[in-house]
Amino acid sequence: MATAITAPSSDADLLAAMSDTLPDRLSVDPSSPFHDGELLARGIGIRFKGEEKTNVEEYCISEGWVRLALGNRVDRKGKALTVKLQGPVEAFIKAE
């Protein structure tokens, strides 16, 4: 038995459905074009190669990479030093 996909009945339903989708790419750096402060305030979790990471600075699901901060080291402009790792990436909204 096939289940039919129905359109949202109201604007509120559409907004709720859109708010649960996470972007393909997201960054914690406010100067990045991929930064979304409202979404980050809700709490985003990243699973990289099956392990939850807490030091992710940026991720891209479609390209399969994450940028991880290297401790508390910063460059001369005050931005965190990062390393880019390749592998399967999953993003999720943390439960409150």
Protein backbone atom coordinates (compact mmCIF):
# COMPACT_ATOMS: atom_id res chain seq x y z
CA MET A 1 0.00 0.00 0.00
CA ALA A 2 1.49 3.33 -1.08
CA THR A 3 1.25 6.41 1.09
CA ALA A 4 0.35 9.65 -0.64
CA ILE A 5 2.45 12.72 0.02
CA THR A 6 0.25 15.68 0.86
CA ALA A 7 1.04 19.37 0.75
CA PRO A 8 1.04 21.31 4.03
CA SER A 9 -2.45 22.60 4.79
CA SER A 10 -1.36 25.99 6.11
CA ASP A 11 1.55 28.41 6.19
CA ALA A 12 2.29 27.37 9.78
CA ASP A 13 2.64 23.71 8.70
CA LEU A 14 4.91 24.75 5.84
CA LEU A 15 7.08 26.86 8.16
CA ALA A 16 7.34 23.99 10.69
CA ALA A 17 8.39 21.57 7.94
CA MET A 18 11.01 23.99 6.61
CA SER A 19 12.40 24.78 10.05
CA ASP A 20 13.25 21.11 10.65
CA THR A 21 15.40 20.85 7.53
CA LEU A 22 19.06 21.58 8.01
CA PRO A 23 21.19 23.29 5.37
CA ASP A 24 23.72 21.33 3.35
CA ARG A 25 26.48 23.62 4.61
CA LEU A 26 26.70 25.58 7.86
CA SER A 27 29.42 27.60 9.60
CA VAL A 28 29.79 29.04 13.11
CA ASP A 29 31.88 31.95 11.77
CA PRO A 30 29.67 35.08 11.60
CA SER A 31 31.63 36.46 8.61
CA SER A 32 30.89 33.32 6.54
CA PRO A 33 28.08 33.38 3.95
CA PHE A 34 27.01 29.98 5.37
CA HIS A 35 26.42 31.31 8.91
CA ASP A 36 22.88 31.06 10.35
CA GLY A 37 22.78 32.36 13.92
CA GLU A 38 19.13 31.46 14.56
CA LEU A 39 19.69 27.86 13.54
CA LEU A 40 22.87 27.58 15.61
CA ALA A 41 21.02 28.97 18.65
CA ARG A 42 18.53 26.09 18.38
CA GLY A 43 21.36 23.59 18.81
CA ILE A 44 22.89 21.59 15.98
CA GLY A 45 24.66 18.29 16.42
CA ILE A 46 27.14 16.81 13.95
CA ARG A 47 27.92 13.13 13.57
CA PHE A 48 31.14 12.51 11.61
CA LYS A 49 31.99 8.90 10.71
CA GLY A 50 29.40 7.75 13.24
CA GLU A 51 30.88 9.73 16.15
CA GLU A 52 29.34 12.93 17.54
CA LYS A 53 31.74 15.87 17.32
CA THR A 54 31.55 18.99 19.48
CA ASN A 55 34.38 21.05 17.92
CA VAL A 56 32.96 21.44 14.39
CA GLU A 57 33.49 24.92 12.92
CA GLU A 58 31.88 24.18 9.53
CA TYR A 59 30.40 21.23 7.66
CA CYS A 60 29.18 20.27 4.19
CA ILE A 61 26.99 17.18 3.87
CA SER A 62 26.97 16.89 0.05
CA GLU A 63 30.76 17.16 -0.26
CA GLY A 64 31.35 14.99 2.83
CA TRP A 65 33.70 17.09 4.99
CA VAL A 66 33.92 18.90 8.31
CA ARG A 67 36.26 21.58 9.64
CA LEU A 68 37.32 20.85 13.20
CA ALA A 69 38.91 23.39 15.55
CA LEU A 70 42.41 22.52 16.77
CA GLY A 71 42.03 23.09 20.49
CA ASN A 72 42.04 26.76 21.46
CA ARG A 73 44.70 27.82 18.93
CA VAL A 74 43.93 30.89 16.84
CA ASP A 75 45.52 32.58 13.85
CA ARG A 76 46.77 36.17 13.81
CA LYS A 77 43.25 37.44 13.07
CA GLY A 78 41.79 35.63 16.09
CA LYS A 79 39.98 32.90 14.14
CA ALA A 80 40.26 29.27 15.23
CA LEU A 81 42.81 27.10 13.46
CA THR A 82 41.02 24.24 11.74
CA VAL A 83 41.65 20.97 9.96
CA LYS A 84 39.41 19.72 7.14
CA LEU A 85 38.50 16.02 7.33
CA GLN A 86 36.71 13.95 4.68
CA GLY A 87 34.04 11.38 5.47
CA PRO A 88 30.32 10.83 5.96
CA VAL A 89 28.61 13.75 7.75
CA GLU A 90 25.20 13.77 9.44
CA ALA A 91 23.61 16.90 10.93
CA PHE A 92 20.73 16.85 13.40
CA ILE A 93 18.86 19.18 15.71
CA LYS A 94 19.67 18.43 19.34
CA ALA A 95 16.72 17.48 21.52
CA GLU A 96 15.94 20.02 24.21
